[in-house]
Amino acid sequence: MTPEVVEVLQSIKTQTEFKGPDDLVFSNAGKPIDEDVMRRRLGKAGKAAGLPWRITWHCFRRYFAFAADRFGMQTEDRKLAMGHASDEMTAHYATTDIERRRPIMCQIPSGLLAPAKPIESTKSVTK
């Protein structure tokens, strides 16, 4: 973890009664929080933040893969960080930068919404 993340987690931990070095940062009376409970809490946090989609832990995994690729982390290092056995699986998580694709993506709807032009036929019409 980065020093910034450690600092934030330590700050959260100081606000609870479970401050020991082996105590969990997020807990339910000192015991691990049930996975379903954490999933619901994450969903509520996303809603409270105004996110238009359902946030899941997988969103963070995808974001890590995208950001690590964008910042230039080598494929082998991303593969190890994500626990993948193959380069192909790591590539599955890599999404090319949306800003690079945006200009072409913005042209597609304008083609769909433009008035239809008559199609000129190259065939001769016989009566």
N, C-alpha and C. Protein backbone atom coordinates (compact mmCIF):
# COMPACT_ATOMS: atom_id res chain seq x y z
N MET A 1 0.84 -1.18 0.00
CA MET A 1 0.00 0.00 0.00
C MET A 1 0.88 1.24 0.00
N THR A 2 0.35 2.28 -0.60
CA THR A 2 1.09 3.53 -0.63
C THR A 2 1.01 4.21 0.73
N PRO A 3 1.95 5.08 1.03
CA PRO A 3 1.92 5.79 2.32
C PRO A 3 0.61 6.57 2.53
N GLU A 4 0.04 7.11 1.43
CA GLU A 4 -1.22 7.86 1.55
C GLU A 4 -2.37 6.96 2.01
N VAL A 5 -2.42 5.76 1.44
CA VAL A 5 -3.49 4.81 1.81
C VAL A 5 -3.31 4.37 3.26
N VAL A 6 -2.08 4.08 3.66
CA VAL A 6 -1.80 3.68 5.05
C VAL A 6 -2.24 4.79 6.00
N GLU A 7 -1.95 6.02 5.66
CA GLU A 7 -2.32 7.15 6.51
C GLU A 7 -3.84 7.26 6.68
N VAL A 8 -4.57 7.11 5.58
CA VAL A 8 -6.03 7.18 5.65
C VAL A 8 -6.58 6.04 6.50
N LEU A 9 -6.07 4.83 6.29
CA LEU A 9 -6.56 3.68 7.07
C LEU A 9 -6.22 3.83 8.55
N GLN A 10 -5.04 4.35 8.86
CA GLN A 10 -4.68 4.57 10.26
C GLN A 10 -5.60 5.62 10.89
N SER A 11 -5.94 6.64 10.14
CA SER A 11 -6.85 7.67 10.63
C SER A 11 -8.23 7.07 10.94
N ILE A 12 -8.71 6.22 10.06
CA ILE A 12 -10.01 5.56 10.30
C ILE A 12 -9.92 4.68 11.54
N LYS A 13 -8.84 3.96 11.67
CA LYS A 13 -8.68 3.03 12.79
C LYS A 13 -8.65 3.76 14.13
N THR A 14 -8.08 4.95 14.17
CA THR A 14 -8.00 5.70 15.44
C THR A 14 -9.38 6.13 15.93
N GLN A 15 -10.37 6.10 15.07
CA GLN A 15 -11.72 6.52 15.44
C GLN A 15 -12.56 5.38 16.03
N THR A 16 -11.97 4.21 16.18
CA THR A 16 -12.69 3.06 16.74
C THR A 16 -12.05 2.64 18.05
N GLU A 17 -12.71 1.75 18.75
CA GLU A 17 -12.13 1.24 19.99
C GLU A 17 -11.11 0.13 19.75
N PHE A 18 -11.04 -0.35 18.52
CA PHE A 18 -10.11 -1.43 18.17
C PHE A 18 -8.89 -0.83 17.48
N LYS A 19 -7.91 -0.42 18.28
CA LYS A 19 -6.76 0.32 17.77
C LYS A 19 -5.48 -0.50 17.74
N GLY A 20 -5.53 -1.75 18.17
CA GLY A 20 -4.34 -2.58 18.26
C GLY A 20 -3.73 -2.88 16.90
N PRO A 21 -2.46 -3.26 16.86
CA PRO A 21 -1.79 -3.52 15.57
C PRO A 21 -2.39 -4.70 14.81
N ASP A 22 -3.03 -5.62 15.52
CA ASP A 22 -3.64 -6.77 14.84
C ASP A 22 -5.14 -6.61 14.65
N ASP A 23 -5.70 -5.49 15.11
CA ASP A 23 -7.13 -5.25 14.94
C ASP A 23 -7.43 -4.84 13.50
N LEU A 24 -8.63 -5.18 13.06
CA LEU A 24 -9.06 -4.85 11.71
C LEU A 24 -9.43 -3.37 11.61
N VAL A 25 -9.22 -2.78 10.45
CA VAL A 25 -9.62 -1.39 10.24
C VAL A 25 -11.15 -1.32 10.17
N PHE A 26 -11.75 -2.18 9.39
CA PHE A 26 -13.20 -2.23 9.27
C PHE A 26 -13.67 -3.52 9.94
N SER A 27 -14.45 -3.36 11.00
CA SER A 27 -14.88 -4.56 11.72
C SER A 27 -16.25 -4.36 12.32
N ASN A 28 -16.79 -5.45 12.81
CA ASN A 28 -18.06 -5.45 13.52
C ASN A 28 -17.75 -5.97 14.91
N ALA A 29 -17.62 -5.07 15.86
CA ALA A 29 -17.24 -5.42 17.24
C ALA A 29 -15.93 -6.20 17.27
N GLY A 30 -14.98 -5.77 16.43
CA GLY A 30 -13.66 -6.40 16.42
C GLY A 30 -13.55 -7.64 15.57
N LYS A 31 -14.64 -8.09 14.99
CA LYS A 31 -14.65 -9.28 14.14
C LYS A 31 -14.83 -8.85 12.68
N PRO A 32 -14.40 -9.68 11.73
CA PRO A 32 -14.56 -9.32 10.31
C PRO A 32 -16.02 -9.08 9.95
N ILE A 33 -16.24 -8.10 9.10
CA ILE A 33 -17.59 -7.80 8.63
C ILE A 33 -17.94 -8.80 7.54
N ASP A 34 -19.17 -9.29 7.58
CA ASP A 34 -19.66 -10.23 6.58
C ASP A 34 -19.54 -9.63 5.18
N GLU A 35 -19.17 -10.46 4.21
CA GLU A 35 -18.96 -10.00 2.83
C GLU A 35 -20.22 -9.35 2.25
N ASP A 36 -21.39 -9.94 2.50
CA ASP A 36 -22.63 -9.36 1.98
C ASP A 36 -22.90 -7.99 2.59
N VAL A 37 -22.60 -7.83 3.86
CA VAL A 37 -22.79 -6.54 4.53
C VAL A 37 -21.86 -5.49 3.90
N MET A 38 -20.60 -5.88 3.67
CA MET A 38 -19.66 -4.95 3.06
C MET A 38 -20.10 -4.58 1.64
N ARG A 39 -20.62 -5.52 0.90
CA ARG A 39 -21.09 -5.26 -0.46
C ARG A 39 -22.24 -4.24 -0.44
N ARG A 40 -23.17 -4.42 0.51
CA ARG A 40 -24.29 -3.48 0.63
C ARG A 40 -23.79 -2.09 1.03
N ARG A 41 -22.85 -2.04 1.96
CA ARG A 41 -22.30 -0.75 2.39
C ARG A 41 -21.59 -0.05 1.25
N LEU A 42 -20.87 -0.80 0.45
CA LEU A 42 -20.18 -0.23 -0.70
C LEU A 42 -21.20 0.34 -1.69
N GLY A 43 -22.28 -0.39 -1.91
CA GLY A 43 -23.33 0.09 -2.80
C GLY A 43 -23.96 1.37 -2.30
N LYS A 44 -24.21 1.44 -1.00
CA LYS A 44 -24.79 2.66 -0.41
C LYS A 44 -23.82 3.82 -0.51
N ALA A 45 -22.54 3.56 -0.32
CA ALA A 45 -21.53 4.62 -0.43
C ALA A 45 -21.48 5.16 -1.86
N GLY A 46 -21.56 4.26 -2.84
CA GLY A 46 -21.57 4.70 -4.23
C GLY A 46 -22.79 5.54 -4.54
N LYS A 47 -23.93 5.13 -4.02
CA LYS A 47 -25.16 5.89 -4.23
C LYS A 47 -25.05 7.27 -3.57
N ALA A 48 -24.52 7.30 -2.34
CA ALA A 48 -24.35 8.57 -1.62
C ALA A 48 -23.37 9.50 -2.35
N ALA A 49 -22.41 8.90 -3.05
CA ALA A 49 -21.44 9.70 -3.81
C ALA A 49 -22.01 10.16 -5.14
N GLY A 50 -23.22 9.71 -5.47
CA GLY A 50 -23.87 10.13 -6.71
C GLY A 50 -23.42 9.38 -7.94
N LEU A 51 -22.83 8.20 -7.75
CA LEU A 51 -22.39 7.41 -8.90
C LEU A 51 -23.61 6.85 -9.62
N PRO A 52 -23.63 6.94 -10.95
CA PRO A 52 -24.81 6.48 -11.69
C PRO A 52 -24.84 4.97 -11.94
N TRP A 53 -23.84 4.24 -11.49
CA TRP A 53 -23.80 2.80 -11.69
C TRP A 53 -23.62 2.12 -10.33
N ARG A 54 -23.87 0.83 -10.32
CA ARG A 54 -23.71 0.04 -9.09
C ARG A 54 -22.23 -0.24 -8.90
N ILE A 55 -21.66 0.23 -7.82
CA ILE A 55 -20.23 0.05 -7.58
C ILE A 55 -20.01 -1.28 -6.86
N THR A 56 -18.98 -1.98 -7.29
CA THR A 56 -18.63 -3.26 -6.68
C THR A 56 -17.12 -3.26 -6.43
N TRP A 57 -16.64 -4.26 -5.71
CA TRP A 57 -15.21 -4.39 -5.48
C TRP A 57 -14.48 -4.61 -6.80
N HIS A 58 -15.17 -5.22 -7.74
CA HIS A 58 -14.57 -5.47 -9.05
C HIS A 58 -14.27 -4.15 -9.78
N CYS A 59 -15.07 -3.12 -9.52
CA CYS A 59 -14.81 -1.81 -10.12
C CYS A 59 -13.42 -1.32 -9.72
N PHE A 60 -13.05 -1.53 -8.46
CA PHE A 60 -11.73 -1.10 -8.00
C PHE A 60 -10.62 -1.90 -8.68
N ARG A 61 -10.88 -3.17 -8.89
CA ARG A 61 -9.90 -4.02 -9.57
C ARG A 61 -9.69 -3.55 -11.00
N ARG A 62 -10.78 -3.26 -11.69
CA ARG A 62 -10.69 -2.76 -13.06
C ARG A 62 -9.99 -1.40 -13.09
N TYR A 63 -10.32 -0.54 -12.13
CA TYR A 63 -9.68 0.77 -12.10
C TYR A 63 -8.18 0.63 -11.89
N PHE A 64 -7.78 -0.26 -10.99
CA PHE A 64 -6.35 -0.47 -10.76
C PHE A 64 -5.67 -0.88 -12.06
N ALA A 65 -6.26 -1.84 -12.77
CA ALA A 65 -5.67 -2.33 -14.01
C ALA A 65 -5.56 -1.21 -15.03
N PHE A 66 -6.61 -0.41 -15.16
CA PHE A 66 -6.62 0.70 -16.11
C PHE A 66 -5.55 1.73 -15.74
N ALA A 67 -5.54 2.14 -14.46
CA ALA A 67 -4.61 3.18 -14.02
C ALA A 67 -3.16 2.69 -14.11
N ALA A 68 -2.92 1.46 -13.71
CA ALA A 68 -1.55 0.93 -13.77
C ALA A 68 -1.06 0.89 -15.22
N ASP A 69 -1.94 0.52 -16.14
CA ASP A 69 -1.57 0.50 -17.55
C ASP A 69 -1.31 1.92 -18.04
N ARG A 70 -2.21 2.84 -17.69
CA ARG A 70 -2.08 4.22 -18.14
C ARG A 70 -0.82 4.89 -17.62
N PHE A 71 -0.44 4.56 -16.39
CA PHE A 71 0.77 5.15 -15.80
C PHE A 71 2.04 4.42 -16.21
N GLY A 72 1.90 3.38 -17.04
CA GLY A 72 3.07 2.73 -17.61
C GLY A 72 3.60 1.51 -16.87
N MET A 73 2.83 0.92 -15.98
CA MET A 73 3.30 -0.29 -15.30
C MET A 73 3.42 -1.41 -16.33
N GLN A 74 4.52 -2.10 -16.31
CA GLN A 74 4.76 -3.19 -17.25
C GLN A 74 3.72 -4.30 -17.06
N THR A 75 3.40 -4.99 -18.14
CA THR A 75 2.40 -6.06 -18.10
C THR A 75 2.75 -7.11 -17.06
N GLU A 76 4.00 -7.51 -16.99
CA GLU A 76 4.42 -8.54 -16.03
C GLU A 76 4.17 -8.07 -14.59
N ASP A 77 4.44 -6.81 -14.32
CA ASP A 77 4.21 -6.27 -12.97
C ASP A 77 2.72 -6.19 -12.65
N ARG A 78 1.91 -5.77 -13.64
CA ARG A 78 0.45 -5.75 -13.43
C ARG A 78 -0.08 -7.14 -13.19
N LYS A 79 0.44 -8.10 -13.97
CA LYS A 79 0.02 -9.51 -13.84
C LYS A 79 0.29 -10.00 -12.42
N LEU A 80 1.48 -9.73 -11.91
CA LEU A 80 1.83 -10.15 -10.55
C LEU A 80 0.98 -9.44 -9.50
N ALA A 81 0.78 -8.14 -9.68
CA ALA A 81 -0.01 -7.36 -8.70
C ALA A 81 -1.45 -7.84 -8.65
N MET A 82 -1.97 -8.30 -9.79
CA MET A 82 -3.36 -8.74 -9.84
C MET A 82 -3.52 -10.23 -9.58
N GLY A 83 -2.40 -10.94 -9.47
CA GLY A 83 -2.46 -12.38 -9.19
C GLY A 83 -2.88 -13.21 -10.37
N HIS A 84 -2.62 -12.73 -11.57
CA HIS A 84 -3.00 -13.48 -12.77
C HIS A 84 -1.91 -14.48 -13.17
N ALA A 85 -2.34 -15.58 -13.75
CA ALA A 85 -1.39 -16.59 -14.22
C ALA A 85 -0.95 -16.32 -15.65
N SER A 86 -1.76 -15.55 -16.40
CA SER A 86 -1.43 -15.35 -17.81
C SER A 86 -1.49 -13.88 -18.20
N ASP A 87 -0.71 -13.54 -19.22
CA ASP A 87 -0.75 -12.18 -19.78
C ASP A 87 -2.12 -11.90 -20.39
N GLU A 88 -2.75 -12.93 -20.93
CA GLU A 88 -4.06 -12.76 -21.58
C GLU A 88 -5.11 -12.27 -20.59
N MET A 89 -5.10 -12.83 -19.37
CA MET A 89 -6.07 -12.39 -18.37
C MET A 89 -5.80 -10.94 -17.97
N THR A 90 -4.54 -10.59 -17.83
CA THR A 90 -4.20 -9.21 -17.48
C THR A 90 -4.62 -8.28 -18.60
N ALA A 91 -4.43 -8.69 -19.85
CA ALA A 91 -4.84 -7.87 -20.99
C ALA A 91 -6.36 -7.70 -21.01
N HIS A 92 -7.09 -8.69 -20.53
CA HIS A 92 -8.55 -8.61 -20.46
C HIS A 92 -8.98 -7.42 -19.60
N TYR A 93 -8.20 -7.11 -18.58
CA TYR A 93 -8.52 -6.01 -17.67
C TYR A 93 -8.03 -4.66 -18.18
N ALA A 94 -7.15 -4.65 -19.15
CA ALA A 94 -6.60 -3.39 -19.65
C ALA A 94 -7.60 -2.76 -20.61
N THR A 95 -7.92 -1.53 -20.36
CA THR A 95 -8.82 -0.78 -21.22
C THR A 95 -8.04 0.41 -21.76
N THR A 96 -7.99 0.52 -23.07
CA THR A 96 -7.25 1.65 -23.61
C THR A 96 -7.92 2.95 -23.19
N ASP A 97 -7.14 3.97 -23.13
CA ASP A 97 -7.59 5.26 -22.64
C ASP A 97 -8.79 5.77 -23.43
N ILE A 98 -9.88 6.07 -22.72
CA ILE A 98 -11.12 6.52 -23.36
C ILE A 98 -10.92 7.84 -24.10
N GLU A 99 -10.04 8.68 -23.60
CA GLU A 99 -9.83 9.98 -24.25
C GLU A 99 -9.23 9.81 -25.64
N ARG A 100 -8.45 8.79 -25.84
CA ARG A 100 -7.88 8.53 -27.16
C ARG A 100 -8.97 8.09 -28.14
N ARG A 101 -9.97 7.38 -27.63
CA ARG A 101 -11.05 6.87 -28.48
C ARG A 101 -12.20 7.86 -28.66
N ARG A 102 -12.30 8.84 -27.76
CA ARG A 102 -13.46 9.73 -27.73
C ARG A 102 -13.75 10.43 -29.06
N PRO A 103 -12.78 11.01 -29.78
CA PRO A 103 -13.12 11.73 -31.01
C PRO A 103 -13.87 10.86 -32.03
N ILE A 104 -13.45 9.63 -32.20
CA ILE A 104 -14.13 8.76 -33.16
C ILE A 104 -15.49 8.34 -32.62
N MET A 105 -15.54 8.04 -31.32
CA MET A 105 -16.81 7.63 -30.73
C MET A 105 -17.86 8.73 -30.86
N CYS A 106 -17.45 9.98 -30.78
CA CYS A 106 -18.39 11.10 -30.89
C CYS A 106 -18.89 11.28 -32.31
N GLN A 107 -18.16 10.81 -33.29
CA GLN A 107 -18.59 10.93 -34.68
C GLN A 107 -19.67 9.91 -35.04
N ILE A 108 -19.69 8.79 -34.38
CA ILE A 108 -20.63 7.72 -34.73
C ILE A 108 -22.09 8.15 -34.59
N PRO A 109 -22.50 8.74 -33.45
CA PRO A 109 -23.91 9.16 -33.35
C PRO A 109 -24.30 10.22 -34.38
N SER A 110 -23.37 11.12 -34.73
CA SER A 110 -23.72 12.15 -35.71
C SER A 110 -24.04 11.52 -37.06
N GLY A 111 -23.39 10.41 -37.38
CA GLY A 111 -23.71 9.69 -38.61
C GLY A 111 -25.09 9.05 -38.56
N LEU A 112 -25.46 8.59 -37.38
CA LEU A 112 -26.78 7.97 -37.22
C LEU A 112 -27.90 9.01 -37.24
N LEU A 113 -27.62 10.19 -36.73
CA LEU A 113 -28.65 11.22 -36.59
C LEU A 113 -28.75 12.14 -37.80
N ALA A 114 -27.80 12.07 -38.72
CA ALA A 114 -27.82 12.92 -39.91
C ALA A 114 -28.98 12.52 -40.81
N PRO A 115 -29.54 13.51 -41.52
CA PRO A 115 -30.63 13.17 -42.45
C PRO A 115 -30.14 12.17 -43.49
N ALA A 116 -31.02 11.29 -43.85
CA ALA A 116 -30.66 10.26 -44.83
C ALA A 116 -30.46 10.90 -46.20
N LYS A 117 -29.42 10.47 -46.88
CA LYS A 117 -29.15 10.94 -48.23
C LYS A 117 -29.67 9.89 -49.20
N PRO A 118 -30.23 10.33 -50.31
CA PRO A 118 -30.70 9.33 -51.30
C PRO A 118 -29.52 8.53 -51.83
N ILE A 119 -29.74 7.26 -51.99
CA ILE A 119 -28.69 6.38 -52.49
C ILE A 119 -28.78 6.37 -54.00
N GLU A 120 -27.66 6.71 -54.61
CA GLU A 120 -27.63 6.70 -56.07
C GLU A 120 -27.25 5.30 -56.54
N SER A 121 -28.06 4.77 -57.40
CA SER A 121 -27.81 3.44 -57.91
C SER A 121 -26.90 3.51 -59.13
N THR A 122 -26.07 2.54 -59.26
CA THR A 122 -25.21 2.46 -60.44
C THR A 122 -25.83 1.57 -61.52
N LYS A 123 -26.98 0.98 -61.19
CA LYS A 123 -27.66 0.12 -62.16
C LYS A 123 -28.55 0.97 -63.06
N SER A 124 -28.66 0.58 -64.28
CA SER A 124 -29.55 1.31 -65.19
C SER A 124 -30.98 0.82 -64.96
N VAL A 125 -31.90 1.75 -65.10
CA VAL A 125 -33.31 1.42 -64.90
C VAL A 125 -33.93 1.12 -66.24
N THR A 126 -34.59 -0.02 -66.39
CA THR A 126 -35.26 -0.39 -67.63
C THR A 126 -36.75 -0.42 -67.38
N LYS A 127 -37.49 0.05 -68.38
CA LYS A 127 -38.95 0.06 -68.24
C LYS A 127 -39.58 -0.99 -69.09
